[in-house]
Amino acid sequence: MEKLLKKIEENLRPDEVAHKKRDDGMKVDARIRVNIITVGDIDTVS
């Protein structure tokens, strides 16, 4: 139960979840492309 509670706590704190690091230690060159499908509800006040 203690292990399960710890796992639930980790899931509730995604900023502290461990991520797999790169084995090769190389810097990644990430290429990004975006397609805007819909835009709306532009609220100037908020």
PDB file of all heavy atoms in Angstrom:
ATOM      1  N   MET A   1       0.823  -1.211   0.000  1.00  0.00           N
ATOM      2  CA  MET A   1       0.000   0.000   0.000  1.00  0.00           C
ATOM      3  C   MET A   1       0.856   1.260   0.000  1.00  0.00           C
ATOM      4  O   MET A   1       0.556   2.244  -0.670  1.00  0.00           O
ATOM      5  CB  MET A   1      -0.908  -0.016   1.240  1.00  0.00           C
ATOM      6  CG  MET A   1      -1.855   1.180   1.343  1.00  0.00           C
ATOM      7  SD  MET A   1      -3.060   1.215   0.018  1.00  0.00           S
ATOM      8  CE  MET A   1      -4.096  -0.198   0.531  1.00  0.00           C
ATOM      9  N   GLU A   2       1.967   1.225   0.759  1.00  0.00           N
ATOM     10  CA  GLU A   2       2.874   2.365   0.795  1.00  0.00           C
ATOM     11  C   GLU A   2       3.493   2.620  -0.577  1.00  0.00           C
ATOM     12  O   GLU A   2       3.610   3.758  -1.024  1.00  0.00           O
ATOM     13  CB  GLU A   2       3.961   2.120   1.833  1.00  0.00           C
ATOM     14  CG  GLU A   2       4.900   3.314   2.018  1.00  0.00           C
ATOM     15  CD  GLU A   2       5.954   3.046   3.072  1.00  0.00           C
ATOM     16  OE1 GLU A   2       5.948   1.940   3.653  1.00  0.00           O
ATOM     17  OE2 GLU A   2       6.781   3.947   3.298  1.00  0.00           O
ATOM     18  N   LYS A   3       3.893   1.546  -1.278  1.00  0.00           N
ATOM     19  CA  LYS A   3       4.435   1.694  -2.624  1.00  0.00           C
ATOM     20  C   LYS A   3       3.401   2.283  -3.571  1.00  0.00           C
ATOM     21  O   LYS A   3       3.708   3.135  -4.411  1.00  0.00           O
ATOM     22  CB  LYS A   3       4.921   0.342  -3.136  1.00  0.00           C
ATOM     23  CG  LYS A   3       6.147  -0.199  -2.414  1.00  0.00           C
ATOM     24  CD  LYS A   3       6.552  -1.555  -2.981  1.00  0.00           C
ATOM     25  CE  LYS A   3       7.774  -2.113  -2.247  1.00  0.00           C
ATOM     26  NZ  LYS A   3       8.160  -3.440  -2.772  1.00  0.00           N
ATOM     27  N   LEU A   4       2.153   1.797  -3.448  1.00  0.00           N
ATOM     28  CA  LEU A   4       1.089   2.295  -4.310  1.00  0.00           C
ATOM     29  C   LEU A   4       0.828   3.770  -4.061  1.00  0.00           C
ATOM     30  O   LEU A   4       0.641   4.554  -5.004  1.00  0.00           O
ATOM     31  CB  LEU A   4      -0.181   1.481  -4.065  1.00  0.00           C
ATOM     32  CG  LEU A   4      -1.417   1.867  -4.896  1.00  0.00           C
ATOM     33  CD1 LEU A   4      -1.123   1.714  -6.383  1.00  0.00           C
ATOM     34  CD2 LEU A   4      -2.622   1.039  -4.485  1.00  0.00           C
ATOM     35  N   LEU A   5       0.833   4.179  -2.793  1.00  0.00           N
ATOM     36  CA  LEU A   5       0.618   5.586  -2.474  1.00  0.00           C
ATOM     37  C   LEU A   5       1.738   6.467  -3.018  1.00  0.00           C
ATOM     38  O   LEU A   5       1.501   7.583  -3.491  1.00  0.00           O
ATOM     39  CB  LEU A   5       0.498   5.762  -0.953  1.00  0.00           C
ATOM     40  CG  LEU A   5      -0.775   5.202  -0.310  1.00  0.00           C
ATOM     41  CD1 LEU A   5      -0.697   5.318   1.205  1.00  0.00           C
ATOM     42  CD2 LEU A   5      -2.003   5.930  -0.835  1.00  0.00           C
ATOM     43  N   LYS A   6       2.981   5.977  -2.954  1.00  0.00           N
ATOM     44  CA  LYS A   6       4.109   6.730  -3.504  1.00  0.00           C
ATOM     45  C   LYS A   6       3.965   6.892  -5.006  1.00  0.00           C
ATOM     46  O   LYS A   6       4.260   7.943  -5.578  1.00  0.00           O
ATOM     47  CB  LYS A   6       5.427   6.040  -3.160  1.00  0.00           C
ATOM     48  CG  LYS A   6       5.833   6.175  -1.702  1.00  0.00           C
ATOM     49  CD  LYS A   6       7.183   5.529  -1.446  1.00  0.00           C
ATOM     50  CE  LYS A   6       7.615   5.707   0.003  1.00  0.00           C
ATOM     51  NZ  LYS A   6       8.933   5.070   0.258  1.00  0.00           N
ATOM     52  N   LYS A   7       3.507   5.818  -5.671  1.00  0.00           N
ATOM     53  CA  LYS A   7       3.338   5.883  -7.124  1.00  0.00           C
ATOM     54  C   LYS A   7       2.245   6.877  -7.499  1.00  0.00           C
ATOM     55  O   LYS A   7       2.372   7.650  -8.443  1.00  0.00           O
ATOM     56  CB  LYS A   7       3.006   4.496  -7.667  1.00  0.00           C
ATOM     57  CG  LYS A   7       2.966   4.417  -9.187  1.00  0.00           C
ATOM     58  CD  LYS A   7       2.789   2.991  -9.663  1.00  0.00           C
ATOM     59  CE  LYS A   7       4.015   2.144  -9.315  1.00  0.00           C
ATOM     60  NZ  LYS A   7       3.920   0.791  -9.896  1.00  0.00           N
ATOM     61  N   ILE A   8       1.160   6.870  -6.717  1.00  0.00           N
ATOM     62  CA  ILE A   8       0.075   7.820  -6.966  1.00  0.00           C
ATOM     63  C   ILE A   8       0.564   9.247  -6.758  1.00  0.00           C
ATOM     64  O   ILE A   8       0.257  10.165  -7.520  1.00  0.00           O
ATOM     65  CB  ILE A   8      -1.121   7.511  -6.040  1.00  0.00           C
ATOM     66  CG1 ILE A   8      -1.762   6.173  -6.422  1.00  0.00           C
ATOM     67  CG2 ILE A   8      -2.157   8.631  -6.109  1.00  0.00           C
ATOM     68  CD1 ILE A   8      -2.858   5.735  -5.474  1.00  0.00           C
ATOM     69  N   GLU A   9       1.369   9.447  -5.727  1.00  0.00           N
ATOM     70  CA  GLU A   9       1.906  10.779  -5.445  1.00  0.00           C
ATOM     71  C   GLU A   9       2.788  11.268  -6.581  1.00  0.00           C
ATOM     72  O   GLU A   9       2.748  12.431  -6.973  1.00  0.00           O
ATOM     73  CB  GLU A   9       2.686  10.750  -4.133  1.00  0.00           C
ATOM     74  CG  GLU A   9       3.205  12.124  -3.709  1.00  0.00           C
ATOM     75  CD  GLU A   9       4.005  12.058  -2.431  1.00  0.00           C
ATOM     76  OE1 GLU A   9       4.266  10.931  -1.952  1.00  0.00           O
ATOM     77  OE2 GLU A   9       4.377  13.122  -1.930  1.00  0.00           O
ATOM     78  N   GLU A  10       3.597  10.370  -7.141  1.00  0.00           N
ATOM     79  CA  GLU A  10       4.457  10.744  -8.259  1.00  0.00           C
ATOM     80  C   GLU A  10       3.618  11.140  -9.473  1.00  0.00           C
ATOM     81  O   GLU A  10       3.947  12.090 -10.197  1.00  0.00           O
ATOM     82  CB  GLU A  10       5.394   9.597  -8.615  1.00  0.00           C
ATOM     83  CG  GLU A  10       6.496   9.367  -7.589  1.00  0.00           C
ATOM     84  CD  GLU A  10       7.364   8.178  -7.952  1.00  0.00           C
ATOM     85  OE1 GLU A  10       6.969   7.445  -8.892  1.00  0.00           O
ATOM     86  OE2 GLU A  10       8.406   7.992  -7.319  1.00  0.00           O
ATOM     87  N   ASN A  11       2.529  10.414  -9.718  1.00  0.00           N
ATOM     88  CA  ASN A  11       1.665  10.735 -10.848  1.00  0.00           C
ATOM     89  C   ASN A  11       0.960  12.065 -10.658  1.00  0.00           C
ATOM     90  O   ASN A  11       0.621  12.736 -11.626  1.00  0.00           O
ATOM     91  CB  ASN A  11       0.616   9.626 -11.053  1.00  0.00           C
ATOM     92  CG  ASN A  11       1.242   8.342 -11.556  1.00  0.00           C
ATOM     93  OD1 ASN A  11       2.257   8.387 -12.233  1.00  0.00           O
ATOM     94  ND2 ASN A  11       0.644   7.211 -11.228  1.00  0.00           N
ATOM     95  N   LEU A  12       0.705  12.422  -9.406  1.00  0.00           N
ATOM     96  CA  LEU A  12       0.091  13.717  -9.136  1.00  0.00           C
ATOM     97  C   LEU A  12       1.089  14.847  -9.193  1.00  0.00           C
ATOM     98  O   LEU A  12       0.714  16.011  -9.181  1.00  0.00           O
ATOM     99  CB  LEU A  12      -0.574  13.696  -7.749  1.00  0.00           C
ATOM    100  CG  LEU A  12      -1.800  12.775  -7.613  1.00  0.00           C
ATOM    101  CD1 LEU A  12      -2.277  12.758  -6.166  1.00  0.00           C
ATOM    102  CD2 LEU A  12      -2.911  13.239  -8.539  1.00  0.00           C
ATOM    103  N   ARG A  13       2.365  14.554  -9.280  1.00  0.00           N
ATOM    104  CA  ARG A  13       3.409  15.570  -9.377  1.00  0.00           C
ATOM    105  C   ARG A  13       4.255  15.284 -10.611  1.00  0.00           C
ATOM    106  O   ARG A  13       5.385  14.843 -10.537  1.00  0.00           O
ATOM    107  CB  ARG A  13       4.292  15.579  -8.131  1.00  0.00           C
ATOM    108  CG  ARG A  13       3.526  15.964  -6.868  1.00  0.00           C
ATOM    109  CD  ARG A  13       4.470  16.011  -5.674  1.00  0.00           C
ATOM    110  NE  ARG A  13       5.092  14.720  -5.427  1.00  0.00           N
ATOM    111  CZ  ARG A  13       6.087  14.530  -4.561  1.00  0.00           C
ATOM    112  NH1 ARG A  13       6.569  15.555  -3.898  1.00  0.00           N
ATOM    113  NH2 ARG A  13       6.589  13.333  -4.372  1.00  0.00           N
ATOM    114  N   PRO A  14       3.701  15.594 -11.832  1.00  0.00           N
ATOM    115  CA  PRO A  14       4.421  15.260 -13.059  1.00  0.00           C
ATOM    116  C   PRO A  14       5.717  16.016 -13.222  1.00  0.00           C
ATOM    117  O   PRO A  14       6.597  15.610 -13.969  1.00  0.00           O
ATOM    118  CB  PRO A  14       3.415  15.644 -14.154  1.00  0.00           C
ATOM    119  CG  PRO A  14       2.512  16.651 -13.511  1.00  0.00           C
ATOM    120  CD  PRO A  14       2.434  16.250 -12.082  1.00  0.00           C
ATOM    121  N   ASP A  15       5.862  17.140 -12.504  1.00  0.00           N
ATOM    122  CA  ASP A  15       7.100  17.896 -12.633  1.00  0.00           C
ATOM    123  C   ASP A  15       8.272  17.199 -11.946  1.00  0.00           C
ATOM    124  O   ASP A  15       9.419  17.553 -12.163  1.00  0.00           O
ATOM    125  CB  ASP A  15       6.923  19.305 -12.031  1.00  0.00           C
ATOM    126  CG  ASP A  15       6.396  19.237 -10.608  1.00  0.00           C
ATOM    127  OD1 ASP A  15       5.342  18.617 -10.414  1.00  0.00           O
ATOM    128  OD2 ASP A  15       7.063  19.793  -9.725  1.00  0.00           O
ATOM    129  N   GLU A  16       7.973  16.177 -11.107  1.00  0.00           N
ATOM    130  CA  GLU A  16       9.051  15.497 -10.397  1.00  0.00           C
ATOM    131  C   GLU A  16       9.273  14.073 -10.900  1.00  0.00           C
ATOM    132  O   GLU A  16      10.052  13.327 -10.337  1.00  0.00           O
ATOM    133  CB  GLU A  16       8.740  15.471  -8.899  1.00  0.00           C
ATOM    134  CG  GLU A  16       8.674  16.873  -8.274  1.00  0.00           C
ATOM    135  CD  GLU A  16       8.376  16.802  -6.801  1.00  0.00           C
ATOM    136  OE1 GLU A  16       8.336  15.680  -6.259  1.00  0.00           O
ATOM    137  OE2 GLU A  16       8.183  17.852  -6.188  1.00  0.00           O
ATOM    138  N   VAL A  17       8.513  13.673 -11.948  1.00  0.00           N
ATOM    139  CA  VAL A  17       8.676  12.328 -12.483  1.00  0.00           C
ATOM    140  C   VAL A  17      10.007  12.222 -13.207  1.00  0.00           C
ATOM    141  O   VAL A  17      10.385  13.102 -13.980  1.00  0.00           O
ATOM    142  CB  VAL A  17       7.516  11.983 -13.439  1.00  0.00           C
ATOM    143  CG1 VAL A  17       7.736  10.636 -14.089  1.00  0.00           C
ATOM    144  CG2 VAL A  17       6.209  11.991 -12.667  1.00  0.00           C
ATOM    145  N   ALA A  18      10.726  11.156 -12.950  1.00  0.00           N
ATOM    146  CA  ALA A  18      12.012  10.961 -13.608  1.00  0.00           C
ATOM    147  C   ALA A  18      11.801  10.633 -15.080  1.00  0.00           C
ATOM    148  O   ALA A  18      10.853   9.952 -15.446  1.00  0.00           O
ATOM    149  CB  ALA A  18      12.772   9.826 -12.929  1.00  0.00           C
ATOM    150  N   HIS A  19      12.676  11.131 -15.931  1.00  0.00           N
ATOM    151  CA  HIS A  19      12.621  10.865 -17.363  1.00  0.00           C
ATOM    152  C   HIS A  19      13.898  10.163 -17.789  1.00  0.00           C
ATOM    153  O   HIS A  19      14.970  10.383 -17.218  1.00  0.00           O
ATOM    154  CB  HIS A  19      12.454  12.173 -18.151  1.00  0.00           C
ATOM    155  CG  HIS A  19      11.141  12.844 -17.890  1.00  0.00           C
ATOM    156  ND1 HIS A  19      10.012  12.613 -18.632  1.00  0.00           N
ATOM    157  CD2 HIS A  19      10.781  13.755 -16.954  1.00  0.00           C
ATOM    158  CE1 HIS A  19       9.014  13.333 -18.185  1.00  0.00           C
ATOM    159  NE2 HIS A  19       9.474  14.040 -17.167  1.00  0.00           N
ATOM    160  N   LYS A  20      13.754   9.380 -18.833  1.00  0.00           N
ATOM    161  CA  LYS A  20      14.904   8.634 -19.335  1.00  0.00           C
ATOM    162  C   LYS A  20      15.862   9.593 -20.040  1.00  0.00           C
ATOM    163  O   LYS A  20      15.481  10.329 -20.928  1.00  0.00           O
ATOM    164  CB  LYS A  20      14.445   7.548 -20.311  1.00  0.00           C
ATOM    165  CG  LYS A  20      15.570   6.720 -20.891  1.00  0.00           C
ATOM    166  CD  LYS A  20      15.018   5.633 -21.796  1.00  0.00           C
ATOM    167  CE  LYS A  20      16.135   4.872 -22.505  1.00  0.00           C
ATOM    168  NZ  LYS A  20      17.063   4.253 -21.543  1.00  0.00           N
ATOM    169  N   LYS A  21      17.127   9.569 -19.631  1.00  0.00           N
ATOM    170  CA  LYS A  21      18.136  10.390 -20.260  1.00  0.00           C
ATOM    171  C   LYS A  21      18.708   9.675 -21.475  1.00  0.00           C
ATOM    172  O   LYS A  21      18.555   8.472 -21.646  1.00  0.00           O
ATOM    173  CB  LYS A  21      19.249  10.713 -19.260  1.00  0.00           C
ATOM    174  CG  LYS A  21      18.780  11.525 -18.061  1.00  0.00           C
ATOM    175  CD  LYS A  21      19.941  11.862 -17.152  1.00  0.00           C
ATOM    176  CE  LYS A  21      19.478  12.695 -15.962  1.00  0.00           C
ATOM    177  NZ  LYS A  21      20.594  13.040 -15.060  1.00  0.00           N
ATOM    178  N   ARG A  22      19.383  10.435 -22.302  1.00  0.00           N
ATOM    179  CA  ARG A  22      19.968   9.856 -23.508  1.00  0.00           C
ATOM    180  C   ARG A  22      21.207   9.031 -23.148  1.00  0.00           C
ATOM    181  O   ARG A  22      22.059   9.461 -22.372  1.00  0.00           O
ATOM    182  CB  ARG A  22      20.343  10.942 -24.506  1.00  0.00           C
ATOM    183  CG  ARG A  22      19.131  11.664 -25.079  1.00  0.00           C
ATOM    184  CD  ARG A  22      19.518  12.460 -26.312  1.00  0.00           C
ATOM    185  NE  ARG A  22      19.964  11.591 -27.383  1.00  0.00           N
ATOM    186  CZ  ARG A  22      19.164  10.960 -28.244  1.00  0.00           C
ATOM    187  NH1 ARG A  22      17.850  11.098 -28.119  1.00  0.00           N
ATOM    188  NH2 ARG A  22      19.625  10.198 -29.197  1.00  0.00           N
ATOM    189  N   ASP A  23      21.274   7.855 -23.761  1.00  0.00           N
ATOM    190  CA  ASP A  23      22.424   6.988 -23.505  1.00  0.00           C
ATOM    191  C   ASP A  23      23.674   7.493 -24.206  1.00  0.00           C
ATOM    192  O   ASP A  23      24.785   7.322 -23.703  1.00  0.00           O
ATOM    193  CB  ASP A  23      22.111   5.562 -23.982  1.00  0.00           C
ATOM    194  CG  ASP A  23      20.955   4.943 -23.186  1.00  0.00           C
ATOM    195  OD1 ASP A  23      20.814   5.301 -22.004  1.00  0.00           O
ATOM    196  OD2 ASP A  23      20.216   4.115 -23.759  1.00  0.00           O
ATOM    197  N   ASP A  24      23.489   8.114 -25.407  1.00  0.00           N
ATOM    198  CA  ASP A  24      24.654   8.556 -26.169  1.00  0.00           C
ATOM    199  C   ASP A  24      25.184   9.916 -25.718  1.00  0.00           C
ATOM    200  O   ASP A  24      26.270  10.334 -26.127  1.00  0.00           O
ATOM    201  CB  ASP A  24      24.325   8.604 -27.668  1.00  0.00           C
ATOM    202  CG  ASP A  24      23.089   9.449 -27.966  1.00  0.00           C
ATOM    203  OD1 ASP A  24      22.674  10.227 -27.084  1.00  0.00           O
ATOM    204  OD2 ASP A  24      22.539   9.327 -29.072  1.00  0.00           O
ATOM    205  N   GLY A  25      24.427  10.640 -24.900  1.00  0.00           N
ATOM    206  CA  GLY A  25      24.883  11.940 -24.419  1.00  0.00           C
ATOM    207  C   GLY A  25      24.898  13.017 -25.478  1.00  0.00           C
ATOM    208  O   GLY A  25      25.429  14.109 -25.247  1.00  0.00           O
ATOM    209  N   MET A  26      24.304  12.768 -26.657  1.00  0.00           N
ATOM    210  CA  MET A  26      24.313  13.738 -27.754  1.00  0.00           C
ATOM    211  C   MET A  26      23.233  14.798 -27.551  1.00  0.00           C
ATOM    212  O   MET A  26      22.170  14.529 -26.982  1.00  0.00           O
ATOM    213  CB  MET A  26      24.081  13.019 -29.084  1.00  0.00           C
ATOM    214  CG  MET A  26      25.169  12.010 -29.439  1.00  0.00           C
ATOM    215  SD  MET A  26      26.761  12.807 -29.773  1.00  0.00           S
ATOM    216  CE  MET A  26      26.362  13.664 -31.284  1.00  0.00           C
ATOM    217  N   LYS A  27      23.498  16.010 -28.011  1.00  0.00           N
ATOM    218  CA  LYS A  27      22.509  17.078 -27.982  1.00  0.00           C
ATOM    219  C   LYS A  27      21.511  16.864 -29.113  1.00  0.00           C
ATOM    220  O   LYS A  27      21.887  16.645 -30.254  1.00  0.00           O
ATOM    221  CB  LYS A  27      23.179  18.445 -28.121  1.00  0.00           C
ATOM    222  CG  LYS A  27      22.216  19.607 -27.978  1.00  0.00           C
ATOM    223  CD  LYS A  27      22.960  20.935 -27.989  1.00  0.00           C
ATOM    224  CE  LYS A  27      22.006  22.098 -27.786  1.00  0.00           C
ATOM    225  NZ  LYS A  27      22.693  23.405 -27.748  1.00  0.00           N
ATOM    226  N   VAL A  28      20.224  16.944 -28.799  1.00  0.00           N
ATOM    227  CA  VAL A  28      19.169  16.648 -29.766  1.00  0.00           C
ATOM    228  C   VAL A  28      18.786  17.913 -30.525  1.00  0.00           C
ATOM    229  O   VAL A  28      18.598  18.983 -29.931  1.00  0.00           O
ATOM    230  CB  VAL A  28      17.932  16.064 -29.056  1.00  0.00           C
ATOM    231  CG1 VAL A  28      16.792  15.859 -30.045  1.00  0.00           C
ATOM    232  CG2 VAL A  28      18.292  14.763 -28.374  1.00  0.00           C
ATOM    233  N   ASP A  29      18.677  17.767 -31.835  1.00  0.00           N
ATOM    234  CA  ASP A  29      18.240  18.851 -32.710  1.00  0.00           C
ATOM    235  C   ASP A  29      16.783  18.581 -33.071  1.00  0.00           C
ATOM    236  O   ASP A  29      16.485  17.791 -33.967  1.00  0.00           O
ATOM    237  CB  ASP A  29      19.121  18.896 -33.953  1.00  0.00           C
ATOM    238  CG  ASP A  29      18.771  20.063 -34.854  1.00  0.00           C
ATOM    239  OD1 ASP A  29      18.288  21.076 -34.338  1.00  0.00           O
ATOM    240  OD2 ASP A  29      18.971  19.951 -36.084  1.00  0.00           O
ATOM    241  N   ALA A  30      15.847  19.193 -32.348  1.00  0.00           N
ATOM    242  CA  ALA A  30      14.420  18.929 -32.535  1.00  0.00           C
ATOM    243  C   ALA A  30      13.840  19.896 -33.556  1.00  0.00           C
ATOM    244  O   ALA A  30      13.910  21.113 -33.380  1.00  0.00           O
ATOM    245  CB  ALA A  30      13.681  19.058 -31.209  1.00  0.00           C
ATOM    246  N   ARG A  31      13.247  19.341 -34.611  1.00  0.00           N
ATOM    247  CA  ARG A  31      12.678  20.136 -35.696  1.00  0.00           C
ATOM    248  C   ARG A  31      11.156  20.145 -35.543  1.00  0.00           C
ATOM    249  O   ARG A  31      10.520  19.102 -35.444  1.00  0.00           O
ATOM    250  CB  ARG A  31      13.085  19.558 -37.047  1.00  0.00           C
ATOM    251  CG  ARG A  31      14.587  19.279 -37.127  1.00  0.00           C
ATOM    252  CD  ARG A  31      15.014  18.795 -38.489  1.00  0.00           C
ATOM    253  NE  ARG A  31      14.286  17.626 -38.956  1.00  0.00           N
ATOM    254  CZ  ARG A  31      14.579  16.376 -38.596  1.00  0.00           C
ATOM    255  NH1 ARG A  31      15.569  16.141 -37.737  1.00  0.00           N
ATOM    256  NH2 ARG A  31      13.885  15.359 -39.081  1.00  0.00           N
ATOM    257  N   ILE A  32      10.579  21.346 -35.533  1.00  0.00           N
ATOM    258  CA  ILE A  32       9.167  21.522 -35.190  1.00  0.00           C
ATOM    259  C   ILE A  32       8.382  22.051 -36.380  1.00  0.00           C
ATOM    260  O   ILE A  32       8.824  22.977 -37.075  1.00  0.00           O
ATOM    261  CB  ILE A  32       9.014  22.470 -33.990  1.00  0.00           C
ATOM    262  CG1 ILE A  32       9.702  21.870 -32.759  1.00  0.00           C
ATOM    263  CG2 ILE A  32       7.550  22.765 -33.696  1.00  0.00           C
ATOM    264  CD1 ILE A  32       9.654  22.765 -31.537  1.00  0.00           C
ATOM    265  N   ARG A  33       7.229  21.455 -36.589  1.00  0.00           N
ATOM    266  CA  ARG A  33       6.275  21.931 -37.587  1.00  0.00           C
ATOM    267  C   ARG A  33       4.898  21.994 -36.959  1.00  0.00           C
ATOM    268  O   ARG A  33       4.535  21.116 -36.165  1.00  0.00           O
ATOM    269  CB  ARG A  33       6.270  21.003 -38.798  1.00  0.00           C
ATOM    270  CG  ARG A  33       5.418  21.517 -39.957  1.00  0.00           C
ATOM    271  CD  ARG A  33       4.123  20.771 -40.105  1.00  0.00           C
ATOM    272  NE  ARG A  33       3.338  21.283 -41.220  1.00  0.00           N
ATOM    273  CZ  ARG A  33       2.169  20.797 -41.604  1.00  0.00           C
ATOM    274  NH1 ARG A  33       1.653  19.759 -40.974  1.00  0.00           N
ATOM    275  NH2 ARG A  33       1.499  21.344 -42.610  1.00  0.00           N
ATOM    276  N   VAL A  34       4.101  23.037 -37.264  1.00  0.00           N
ATOM    277  CA  VAL A  34       2.802  23.207 -36.640  1.00  0.00           C
ATOM    278  C   VAL A  34       1.733  23.465 -37.691  1.00  0.00           C
ATOM    279  O   VAL A  34       1.976  24.111 -38.713  1.00  0.00           O
ATOM    280  CB  VAL A  34       2.830  24.373 -35.615  1.00  0.00           C
ATOM    281  CG1 VAL A  34       3.101  25.699 -36.304  1.00  0.00           C
ATOM    282  CG2 VAL A  34       1.543  24.433 -34.824  1.00  0.00           C
ATOM    283  N   ASN A  35       0.554  22.933 -37.427  1.00  0.00           N
ATOM    284  CA  ASN A  35      -0.631  23.195 -38.236  1.00  0.00           C
ATOM    285  C   ASN A  35      -1.729  23.684 -37.303  1.00  0.00           C
ATOM    286  O   ASN A  35      -2.175  22.937 -36.423  1.00  0.00           O
ATOM    287  CB  ASN A  35      -1.070  21.937 -38.993  1.00  0.00           C
ATOM    288  CG  ASN A  35      -2.370  22.138 -39.745  1.00  0.00           C
ATOM    289  OD1 ASN A  35      -2.661  23.238 -40.201  1.00  0.00           O
ATOM    290  ND2 ASN A  35      -3.160  21.095 -39.868  1.00  0.00           N
ATOM    291  N   ILE A  36      -2.156  24.928 -37.482  1.00  0.00           N
ATOM    292  CA  ILE A  36      -3.215  25.497 -36.669  1.00  0.00           C
ATOM    293  C   ILE A  36      -4.552  25.093 -37.286  1.00  0.00           C
ATOM    294  O   ILE A  36      -4.860  25.455 -38.418  1.00  0.00           O
ATOM    295  CB  ILE A  36      -3.106  27.026 -36.579  1.00  0.00           C
ATOM    296  CG1 ILE A  36      -1.716  27.425 -36.055  1.00  0.00           C
ATOM    297  CG2 ILE A  36      -4.202  27.594 -35.695  1.00  0.00           C
ATOM    298  CD1 ILE A  36      -1.409  26.935 -34.679  1.00  0.00           C
ATOM    299  N   ILE A  37      -5.349  24.355 -36.520  1.00  0.00           N
ATOM    300  CA  ILE A  37      -6.603  23.810 -37.042  1.00  0.00           C
ATOM    301  C   ILE A  37      -7.760  24.779 -36.817  1.00  0.00           C
ATOM    302  O   ILE A  37      -8.504  25.094 -37.739  1.00  0.00           O
ATOM    303  CB  ILE A  37      -6.901  22.444 -36.391  1.00  0.00           C
ATOM    304  CG1 ILE A  37      -5.741  21.475 -36.656  1.00  0.00           C
ATOM    305  CG2 ILE A  37      -8.219  21.868 -36.905  1.00  0.00           C
ATOM    306  CD1 ILE A  37      -5.832  20.175 -35.877  1.00  0.00           C
ATOM    307  N   THR A  38      -7.936  25.242 -35.613  1.00  0.00           N
ATOM    308  CA  THR A  38      -8.992  26.210 -35.310  1.00  0.00           C
ATOM    309  C   THR A  38      -8.490  27.239 -34.304  1.00  0.00           C
ATOM    310  O   THR A  38      -7.660  26.935 -33.455  1.00  0.00           O
ATOM    311  CB  THR A  38     -10.255  25.529 -34.720  1.00  0.00           C
ATOM    312  OG1 THR A  38      -9.908  24.851 -33.510  1.00  0.00           O
ATOM    313  CG2 THR A  38     -10.861  24.550 -35.702  1.00  0.00           C
ATOM    314  N   VAL A  39      -9.014  28.453 -34.415  1.00  0.00           N
ATOM    315  CA  VAL A  39      -8.745  29.530 -33.458  1.00  0.00           C
ATOM    316  C   VAL A  39     -10.074  30.209 -33.168  1.00  0.00           C
ATOM    317  O   VAL A  39     -10.904  30.385 -34.068  1.00  0.00           O
ATOM    318  CB  VAL A  39      -7.747  30.564 -34.012  1.00  0.00           C
ATOM    319  CG1 VAL A  39      -7.453  31.646 -32.980  1.00  0.00           C
ATOM    320  CG2 VAL A  39      -6.461  29.896 -34.440  1.00  0.00           C
ATOM    321  N   GLY A  40     -10.291  30.588 -31.915  1.00  0.00           N
ATOM    322  CA  GLY A  40     -11.532  31.280 -31.585  1.00  0.00           C
ATOM    323  C   GLY A  40     -11.591  31.712 -30.144  1.00  0.00           C
ATOM    324  O   GLY A  40     -10.640  31.544 -29.381  1.00  0.00           O
ATOM    325  N   ASP A  41     -12.735  32.295 -29.770  1.00  0.00           N
ATOM    326  CA  ASP A  41     -12.988  32.758 -28.400  1.00  0.00           C
ATOM    327  C   ASP A  41     -11.851  33.643 -27.891  1.00  0.00           C
ATOM    328  O   ASP A  41     -11.283  33.417 -26.814  1.00  0.00           O
ATOM    329  CB  ASP A  41     -13.181  31.568 -27.453  1.00  0.00           C
ATOM    330  CG  ASP A  41     -14.442  30.778 -27.768  1.00  0.00           C
ATOM    331  OD1 ASP A  41     -15.306  31.313 -28.473  1.00  0.00           O
ATOM    332  OD2 ASP A  41     -14.549  29.628 -27.316  1.00  0.00           O
ATOM    333  N   ILE A  42     -11.527  34.660 -28.672  1.00  0.00           N
ATOM    334  CA  ILE A  42     -10.483  35.602 -28.263  1.00  0.00           C
ATOM    335  C   ILE A  42     -11.077  36.567 -27.244  1.00  0.00           C
ATOM    336  O   ILE A  42     -11.953  37.366 -27.565  1.00  0.00           O
ATOM    337  CB  ILE A  42      -9.929  36.368 -29.477  1.00  0.00           C
ATOM    338  CG1 ILE A  42      -9.377  35.381 -30.513  1.00  0.00           C
ATOM    339  CG2 ILE A  42      -8.853  37.353 -29.049  1.00  0.00           C
ATOM    340  CD1 ILE A  42      -8.999  36.020 -31.820  1.00  0.00           C
ATOM    341  N   ASP A  43     -10.617  36.467 -26.016  1.00  0.00           N
ATOM    342  CA  ASP A  43     -11.143  37.276 -24.907  1.00  0.00           C
ATOM    343  C   ASP A  43     -10.125  38.359 -24.562  1.00  0.00           C
ATOM    344  O   ASP A  43      -9.088  38.079 -23.957  1.00  0.00           O
ATOM    345  CB  ASP A  43     -11.414  36.384 -23.698  1.00  0.00           C
ATOM    346  CG  ASP A  43     -12.210  37.102 -22.615  1.00  0.00           C
ATOM    347  OD1 ASP A  43     -12.187  38.346 -22.599  1.00  0.00           O
ATOM    348  OD2 ASP A  43     -12.831  36.426 -21.789  1.00  0.00           O
ATOM    349  N   THR A  44     -10.438  39.585 -24.967  1.00  0.00           N
ATOM    350  CA  THR A  44      -9.502  40.687 -24.731  1.00  0.00           C
ATOM    351  C   THR A  44      -9.397  41.019 -23.256  1.00  0.00           C
ATOM    352  O   THR A  44      -8.332  41.411 -22.770  1.00  0.00           O
ATOM    353  CB  THR A  44      -9.952  41.930 -25.516  1.00  0.00           C
ATOM    354  OG1 THR A  44     -10.179  41.575 -26.880  1.00  0.00           O
ATOM    355  CG2 THR A  44      -8.892  43.009 -25.474  1.00  0.00           C
ATOM    356  N   VAL A  45     -10.490  40.882 -22.519  1.00  0.00           N
ATOM    357  CA  VAL A  45     -10.502  41.255 -21.109  1.00  0.00           C
ATOM    358  C   VAL A  45      -9.602  40.325 -20.293  1.00  0.00           C
ATOM    359  O   VAL A  45      -8.754  40.773 -19.520  1.00  0.00           O
ATOM    360  CB  VAL A  45     -11.936  41.250 -20.563  1.00  0.00           C
ATOM    361  CG1 VAL A  45     -11.934  41.575 -19.067  1.00  0.00           C
ATOM    362  CG2 VAL A  45     -12.805  42.244 -21.320  1.00  0.00           C
ATOM    363  N   SER A  46      -9.776  39.015 -20.464  1.00  0.00           N
ATOM    364  CA  SER A  46      -8.961  38.050 -19.719  1.00  0.00           C
ATOM    365  C   SER A  46      -7.654  37.725 -20.424  1.00  0.00           C
ATOM    366  O   SER A  46      -6.832  36.980 -19.891  1.00  0.00           O
ATOM    367  CB  SER A  46      -9.744  36.753 -19.490  1.00  0.00           C
ATOM    368  OG  SER A  46     -10.105  36.161 -20.729  1.00  0.00           O
TER     369      SER A  46
END
